[in-house]
Amino acid sequence: MTEASPSHRATEVRTAPAAAHDTHRAPQPVLTLAGVTLTLGDRTILRDANFAVNQGEFIGVLGPNGAGKTTLMRAILGLVPAAHGAIRVLGEPVARGNAKIGYMPQTRTALASRRVRGRDFVAMAADGHRWGLPRADAATRADVARVLDLVGASKLADRPLSELSGGERQRLLLAQCLLGDPKLLLLDEPLISLDPHHQRGVVELVRRVQRELGIAVLFSAHELNPLLNSLDRVLYLGNGVAALGSVDEVITAPVLSRLYGSPIEVMRMKGRIFVMSGDVEVEKHDHEHEHDHGHGHAHGHSHDHGHDNDSNDNTHGHTHDA
């Protein structure tokens, strides 16, 4: 694990050495942050962040309420400019409307009352600039059919959103994100308002699709445990710092105490991890007090909306503090 906070001296953490016979090239980073500082007004959300997300990684993004999970995703979309440093997606500077990014924003409460059919709802993401039902051409219709099949939602194509469960609507939202050929998915709190059964189903679905397509995923959540069996690495935000690494490297009392700015204990019990402040489980506490600060429509791609445990060998071994 590497500590790279400006206020903490870098320390080396043991990493697995590369095998001498391994001739495979390292995967190209899908996302890189180099010296990135993000601010909102006079508040620093992220300070001097330096880290990379590789092709094919499933990254859980966690942290206390207000730590900046949504702001980070919006910065990757080009909707929040970096105060300092550079954010690159597939080696290119971030820009609004990047078709290589699929995005699921946090605000989704209005979906339950909509009568639009599943197929038409997914197709709406093909053109984020047009209001009303989409006029899909043959190529768009074929792509909609492809992503519906990919997420196991073909049977939902002719049903209105108002008749679907929360888990079924999440399938359609994920299908939106997959239109075109995205290489990076940004999923902002997709487990909100879902019961544990549907949470597990959504995580397993995202992991299956992510592996099948070989793409990278940043999946933000209030709690670690629903993601625990699917993660490659975890990105934990707090106090302007982001710790990136394996669960065992990041989810520790010293690291989380610094990110929360108060003493934190980490308890492991029956395959679950509990992050505690005294006798309070802090992730549960934050979830109960969270307000929905998500922005934008529920379209999948980063068109300019203007609103605001198997792991790869290359996914473990380094934790960067930003």
Protein backbone atom coordinates (compact mmCIF):
# COMPACT_ATOMS: atom_id res chain seq x y z
CA MET A 1 0.00 0.00 0.00
CA THR A 2 1.33 3.43 -0.87
CA GLU A 3 0.35 6.45 1.19
CA ALA A 4 0.37 9.53 -1.02
CA SER A 5 -1.42 12.14 1.01
CA PRO A 6 0.37 15.51 0.99
CA SER A 7 0.28 15.51 4.77
CA HIS A 8 1.59 11.98 5.21
CA ARG A 9 4.94 10.68 4.22
CA ALA A 10 4.81 7.91 1.63
CA THR A 11 5.31 4.44 3.04
CA GLU A 12 5.91 1.21 1.24
CA VAL A 13 3.54 -1.70 1.72
CA ARG A 14 4.40 -5.22 0.73
CA THR A 15 3.21 -6.15 -2.74
CA ALA A 16 3.37 -9.42 -4.61
CA PRO A 17 6.43 -9.43 -6.91
CA ALA A 18 5.79 -9.90 -10.61
CA ALA A 19 6.46 -13.42 -11.82
CA ALA A 20 9.73 -13.64 -13.73
CA HIS A 21 8.12 -15.55 -16.61
CA ASP A 22 5.16 -13.17 -16.98
CA THR A 23 5.48 -11.58 -20.41
CA HIS A 24 1.99 -10.03 -20.44
CA ARG A 25 1.86 -6.28 -20.71
CA ALA A 26 0.26 -4.40 -17.86
CA PRO A 27 -3.32 -3.36 -18.64
CA GLN A 28 -3.86 0.16 -19.91
CA PRO A 29 -5.36 2.37 -17.22
CA VAL A 30 -8.94 3.25 -18.04
CA LEU A 31 -8.88 6.14 -15.57
CA THR A 32 -5.99 8.14 -14.14
CA LEU A 33 -5.91 11.00 -11.67
CA ALA A 34 -2.64 12.92 -11.52
CA GLY A 35 -2.30 15.51 -8.76
CA VAL A 36 -6.05 16.13 -8.80
CA THR A 37 -7.69 18.51 -6.35
CA LEU A 38 -11.48 18.90 -6.41
CA THR A 39 -13.28 21.71 -4.64
CA LEU A 40 -16.88 22.78 -4.14
CA GLY A 41 -17.02 26.42 -3.12
CA ASP A 42 -14.47 26.85 -0.35
CA ARG A 43 -14.50 23.15 0.55
CA THR A 44 -11.79 20.76 -0.62
CA ILE A 45 -13.33 17.41 -1.60
CA LEU A 46 -10.17 15.69 -2.81
CA ARG A 47 -6.58 16.85 -2.41
CA ASP A 48 -3.64 16.00 -4.69
CA ALA A 49 -5.04 12.61 -5.75
CA ASN A 50 -2.82 10.24 -7.72
CA PHE A 51 -4.20 6.84 -8.70
CA ALA A 52 -5.23 4.69 -11.65
CA VAL A 53 -8.04 2.26 -12.39
CA ASN A 54 -7.19 -0.54 -14.79
CA GLN A 55 -9.17 -2.23 -17.51
CA GLY A 56 -11.46 -4.93 -16.13
CA GLU A 57 -11.43 -3.77 -12.50
CA PHE A 58 -14.47 -3.64 -10.23
CA ILE A 59 -13.83 -0.79 -7.78
CA GLY A 60 -16.12 -0.14 -4.83
CA VAL A 61 -16.27 3.57 -3.95
CA LEU A 62 -17.12 4.15 -0.30
CA GLY A 63 -16.81 6.80 2.36
CA PRO A 64 -18.77 8.80 4.92
CA ASN A 65 -21.68 11.00 3.97
CA GLY A 66 -20.41 14.05 2.07
CA ALA A 67 -17.00 12.53 1.34
CA GLY A 68 -17.31 13.33 -2.38
CA LYS A 69 -18.29 10.10 -4.13
CA THR A 70 -20.75 11.84 -6.47
CA THR A 71 -18.43 14.80 -6.99
CA LEU A 72 -15.63 12.48 -8.07
CA MET A 73 -17.87 10.80 -10.62
CA ARG A 74 -19.08 14.13 -11.95
CA ALA A 75 -15.47 15.27 -12.30
CA ILE A 76 -14.69 12.14 -14.34
CA LEU A 77 -17.66 13.06 -16.55
CA GLY A 78 -16.25 16.55 -17.08
CA LEU A 79 -19.11 18.18 -15.16
CA VAL A 80 -16.95 19.38 -12.25
CA PRO A 81 -13.60 20.92 -13.24
CA ALA A 82 -10.51 19.94 -11.29
CA ALA A 83 -9.01 22.83 -9.35
CA HIS A 84 -5.59 21.29 -9.96
CA GLY A 85 -4.19 18.29 -11.76
CA ALA A 86 -5.45 16.16 -14.63
CA ILE A 87 -8.10 13.45 -14.99
CA ARG A 88 -7.78 11.20 -18.05
CA VAL A 89 -10.04 8.50 -19.45
CA LEU A 90 -8.22 6.08 -21.77
CA GLY A 91 -5.38 8.58 -21.95
CA GLU A 92 -7.55 11.51 -23.02
CA PRO A 93 -8.52 14.55 -20.92
CA VAL A 94 -12.02 14.34 -19.51
CA ALA A 95 -14.77 15.98 -21.54
CA ARG A 96 -18.55 16.15 -21.35
CA GLY A 97 -20.38 13.60 -23.45
CA ASN A 98 -17.61 10.99 -23.49
CA ALA A 99 -19.19 7.92 -25.14
CA LYS A 100 -16.56 5.71 -23.47
CA ILE A 101 -18.24 6.30 -20.10
CA GLY A 102 -21.55 4.84 -19.01
CA TYR A 103 -23.16 6.69 -16.10
CA MET A 104 -25.98 5.90 -13.69
CA PRO A 105 -26.77 8.99 -11.60
CA GLN A 106 -28.17 8.81 -8.10
CA THR A 107 -31.57 10.48 -8.59
CA ARG A 108 -34.02 7.82 -9.70
CA THR A 109 -37.09 8.22 -7.48
CA ALA A 110 -39.39 9.38 -10.30
CA LEU A 111 -38.97 6.17 -12.30
CA ALA A 112 -41.55 4.22 -10.30
CA SER A 113 -44.46 6.31 -11.65
CA ARG A 114 -43.47 6.40 -15.33
CA ARG A 115 -45.56 4.55 -17.88
CA VAL A 116 -42.88 4.48 -20.57
CA ARG A 117 -41.99 1.01 -21.82
CA GLY A 118 -38.68 -0.52 -20.86
CA ARG A 119 -37.43 -0.59 -24.44
CA ASP A 120 -38.22 3.10 -25.00
CA PHE A 121 -36.71 4.06 -21.65
CA VAL A 122 -33.41 2.41 -22.53
CA ALA A 123 -33.44 4.00 -25.99
CA MET A 124 -33.77 7.47 -24.43
CA ALA A 125 -30.13 7.25 -23.39
CA ALA A 126 -29.06 7.03 -27.03
CA ASP A 127 -29.67 10.77 -27.34
CA GLY A 128 -29.44 12.71 -24.11
CA HIS A 129 -30.36 15.97 -25.85
CA ARG A 130 -33.85 15.09 -27.07
CA TRP A 131 -37.03 15.25 -24.99
CA GLY A 132 -39.90 12.81 -25.46
CA LEU A 133 -39.90 9.26 -26.77
CA PRO A 134 -36.89 8.36 -28.91
CA ARG A 135 -37.07 8.01 -32.67
CA ALA A 136 -34.67 5.09 -32.76
CA ASP A 137 -33.07 4.09 -36.05
CA ALA A 138 -32.30 0.47 -36.87
CA ALA A 139 -28.81 0.60 -35.35
CA THR A 140 -30.13 2.04 -32.09
CA ARG A 141 -32.92 -0.53 -31.92
CA ALA A 142 -30.37 -3.30 -32.40
CA ASP A 143 -28.14 -1.87 -29.69
CA VAL A 144 -31.10 -1.55 -27.31
CA ALA A 145 -31.99 -5.19 -27.94
CA ARG A 146 -28.35 -6.17 -27.33
CA VAL A 147 -28.06 -4.44 -23.96
CA LEU A 148 -31.48 -5.66 -22.80
CA ASP A 149 -30.33 -9.21 -23.49
CA LEU A 150 -26.98 -8.55 -21.84
CA VAL A 151 -28.62 -7.58 -18.54
CA GLY A 152 -31.33 -10.25 -18.76
CA ALA A 153 -34.11 -7.71 -19.29
CA SER A 154 -35.52 -8.66 -22.70
CA LYS A 155 -38.80 -9.69 -21.04
CA LEU A 156 -39.09 -6.18 -19.57
CA ALA A 157 -38.93 -4.43 -22.95
CA ASP A 158 -42.69 -4.00 -23.37
CA ARG A 159 -43.59 -3.43 -19.73
CA PRO A 160 -43.96 0.09 -18.28
CA LEU A 161 -41.54 1.17 -15.57
CA SER A 162 -44.44 1.67 -13.15
CA GLU A 163 -45.10 -2.09 -13.16
CA LEU A 164 -41.51 -3.10 -12.44
CA SER A 165 -39.76 -3.80 -9.16
CA GLY A 166 -36.81 -1.72 -8.04
CA GLY A 167 -34.43 -4.48 -9.06
CA GLU A 168 -36.00 -4.71 -12.52
CA ARG A 169 -35.74 -0.95 -13.03
CA GLN A 170 -32.07 -1.17 -12.07
CA ARG A 171 -31.57 -3.68 -14.88
CA LEU A 172 -32.94 -1.16 -17.35
CA LEU A 173 -30.75 1.60 -15.93
CA LEU A 174 -27.72 -0.63 -16.30
CA ALA A 175 -28.78 -1.41 -19.88
CA GLN A 176 -28.81 2.34 -20.58
CA CYS A 177 -25.24 2.60 -19.32
CA LEU A 178 -24.12 -0.13 -21.71
CA LEU A 179 -25.39 1.42 -24.94
CA GLY A 180 -22.57 1.97 -27.41
CA ASP A 181 -19.22 0.64 -26.31
CA PRO A 182 -18.34 2.12 -22.90
CA LYS A 183 -15.06 1.12 -21.28
CA LEU A 184 -15.85 2.63 -17.87
CA LEU A 185 -19.09 2.50 -15.89
CA LEU A 186 -19.81 5.01 -13.13
CA LEU A 187 -22.64 3.74 -10.94
CA ASP A 188 -23.67 6.24 -8.26
CA GLU A 189 -25.38 4.47 -5.35
CA PRO A 190 -27.32 1.89 -7.40
CA LEU A 191 -28.29 0.01 -4.23
CA ILE A 192 -30.26 2.87 -2.66
CA SER A 193 -33.81 1.85 -1.63
CA LEU A 194 -33.28 -1.81 -2.57
CA ASP A 195 -33.79 -4.63 -0.08
CA PRO A 196 -30.85 -6.99 0.58
CA HIS A 197 -32.11 -9.57 -1.93
CA HIS A 198 -32.30 -7.02 -4.77
CA GLN A 199 -28.99 -5.45 -3.68
CA ARG A 200 -27.30 -8.81 -4.05
CA GLY A 201 -28.91 -9.32 -7.45
CA VAL A 202 -27.76 -5.93 -8.75
CA VAL A 203 -24.18 -6.44 -7.57
CA GLU A 204 -24.01 -9.92 -9.10
CA LEU A 205 -25.48 -8.61 -12.37
CA VAL A 206 -22.98 -5.75 -12.60
CA ARG A 207 -20.10 -8.09 -11.81
CA ARG A 208 -21.21 -10.60 -14.46
CA VAL A 209 -21.61 -7.94 -17.15
CA GLN A 210 -18.34 -6.27 -16.15
CA ARG A 211 -16.44 -9.54 -16.50
CA GLU A 212 -18.16 -10.48 -19.74
CA LEU A 213 -17.30 -7.14 -21.37
CA GLY A 214 -13.91 -6.69 -19.67
CA ILE A 215 -14.74 -3.12 -18.65
CA ALA A 216 -13.96 -1.12 -15.52
CA VAL A 217 -16.61 -0.20 -12.96
CA LEU A 218 -16.67 2.41 -10.22
CA PHE A 219 -19.59 1.36 -7.99
CA SER A 220 -20.36 3.74 -5.13
CA ALA A 221 -22.22 2.46 -2.10
CA HIS A 222 -22.98 3.28 1.53
CA GLU A 223 -21.93 -0.14 2.76
CA LEU A 224 -19.03 -2.41 1.94
CA ASN A 225 -20.68 -5.76 2.67
CA PRO A 226 -23.03 -5.97 -0.36
CA LEU A 227 -19.95 -5.54 -2.59
CA LEU A 228 -17.53 -7.65 -0.63
CA ASN A 229 -17.56 -10.79 -2.80
CA SER A 230 -17.32 -8.86 -6.08
CA LEU A 231 -14.64 -6.26 -5.43
CA ASP A 232 -11.20 -6.17 -6.97
CA ARG A 233 -10.22 -3.06 -5.03
CA VAL A 234 -11.88 -0.45 -2.86
CA LEU A 235 -11.58 3.35 -3.10
CA TYR A 236 -12.44 4.88 0.26
CA LEU A 237 -12.92 8.66 0.43
CA GLY A 238 -12.74 10.93 3.46
CA ASN A 239 -11.17 14.15 4.73
CA GLY A 240 -9.93 15.06 1.24
CA VAL A 241 -8.02 11.78 0.99
CA ALA A 242 -8.77 8.62 -1.00
CA ALA A 243 -7.28 5.27 -0.05
CA LEU A 244 -7.21 2.80 -2.95
CA GLY A 245 -6.23 -0.84 -2.54
CA SER A 246 -7.43 -4.28 -1.59
CA VAL A 247 -10.04 -4.66 1.15
CA ASP A 248 -7.40 -5.95 3.57
CA GLU A 249 -5.17 -2.94 2.89
CA VAL A 250 -7.81 -0.20 3.08
CA ILE A 251 -10.43 -1.44 5.53
CA THR A 252 -8.22 -1.15 8.60
CA ALA A 253 -8.55 0.88 11.77
CA PRO A 254 -5.56 3.20 11.06
CA VAL A 255 -6.58 4.02 7.47
CA LEU A 256 -10.27 4.55 8.20
CA SER A 257 -9.59 6.53 11.38
CA ARG A 258 -7.67 9.02 9.29
CA LEU A 259 -10.34 9.14 6.58
CA TYR A 260 -13.17 9.64 9.09
CA GLY A 261 -11.12 11.99 11.26
CA SER A 262 -12.04 10.04 14.41
CA PRO A 263 -11.17 6.68 15.99
CA ILE A 264 -12.58 3.80 13.96
CA GLU A 265 -12.61 0.09 14.72
CA VAL A 266 -12.95 -2.61 12.07
CA MET A 267 -14.64 -5.85 13.07
CA ARG A 268 -14.79 -8.99 10.94
CA MET A 269 -17.50 -11.51 11.71
CA LYS A 270 -18.92 -14.42 9.68
CA GLY A 271 -17.62 -13.11 6.37
CA ARG A 272 -18.84 -9.56 6.98
CA ILE A 273 -16.96 -6.39 7.92
CA PHE A 274 -18.30 -3.78 10.31
CA VAL A 275 -16.87 -0.27 10.50
CA MET A 276 -17.51 1.01 14.01
CA SER A 277 -17.16 4.30 15.86
CA GLY A 278 -17.63 3.31 19.47
CA ASP A 279 -20.83 1.25 19.46
CA VAL A 280 -22.20 2.87 16.27
CA GLU A 281 -21.85 1.22 12.87
CA VAL A 282 -20.82 4.29 10.90
CA GLU A 283 -21.87 3.10 7.45
CA LYS A 284 -25.40 2.37 8.70
CA HIS A 285 -25.48 5.71 10.51
CA ASP A 286 -24.44 7.62 7.38
CA HIS A 287 -27.03 5.78 5.30
CA GLU A 288 -29.83 6.73 7.68
CA HIS A 289 -28.87 10.41 7.47
CA GLU A 290 -28.03 10.57 3.78
CA HIS A 291 -29.88 13.05 1.58
CA ASP A 292 -30.14 12.33 -2.11
CA HIS A 293 -27.65 14.73 -3.66
CA GLY A 294 -27.61 12.99 -7.02
CA HIS A 295 -27.95 14.98 -10.19
CA GLY A 296 -29.27 14.55 -13.64
CA HIS A 297 -31.60 12.27 -15.50
CA ALA A 298 -31.44 8.52 -15.19
CA HIS A 299 -29.87 8.12 -18.61
CA GLY A 300 -26.88 5.85 -18.74
CA HIS A 301 -24.25 7.58 -20.84
CA SER A 302 -22.43 10.75 -20.05
CA HIS A 303 -24.14 12.77 -22.72
CA ASP A 304 -24.10 16.37 -21.63
CA HIS A 305 -27.06 16.33 -19.28
CA GLY A 306 -25.76 19.42 -17.60
CA HIS A 307 -27.39 18.43 -14.31
CA ASP A 308 -26.08 18.27 -11.72
CA ASN A 309 -14.11 -13.32 -5.07
CA ASP A 310 -11.97 -13.75 -8.02
CA SER A 311 -9.50 -10.96 -8.72
CA ASN A 312 -7.04 -10.26 -11.48
CA ASP A 313 -3.40 -10.42 -10.52
CA ASN A 314 -2.99 -6.76 -11.38
CA THR A 315 -5.80 -5.52 -9.15
CA HIS A 316 -4.22 -6.03 -5.74
CA GLY A 317 -1.17 -4.87 -3.95
CA HIS A 318 -1.14 -1.08 -4.03
CA THR A 319 -3.07 1.42 -2.00
CA HIS A 320 -2.68 5.06 -2.89
CA ASP A 321 -3.78 7.84 -0.59
CA ALA A 322 -5.02 10.88 -2.42
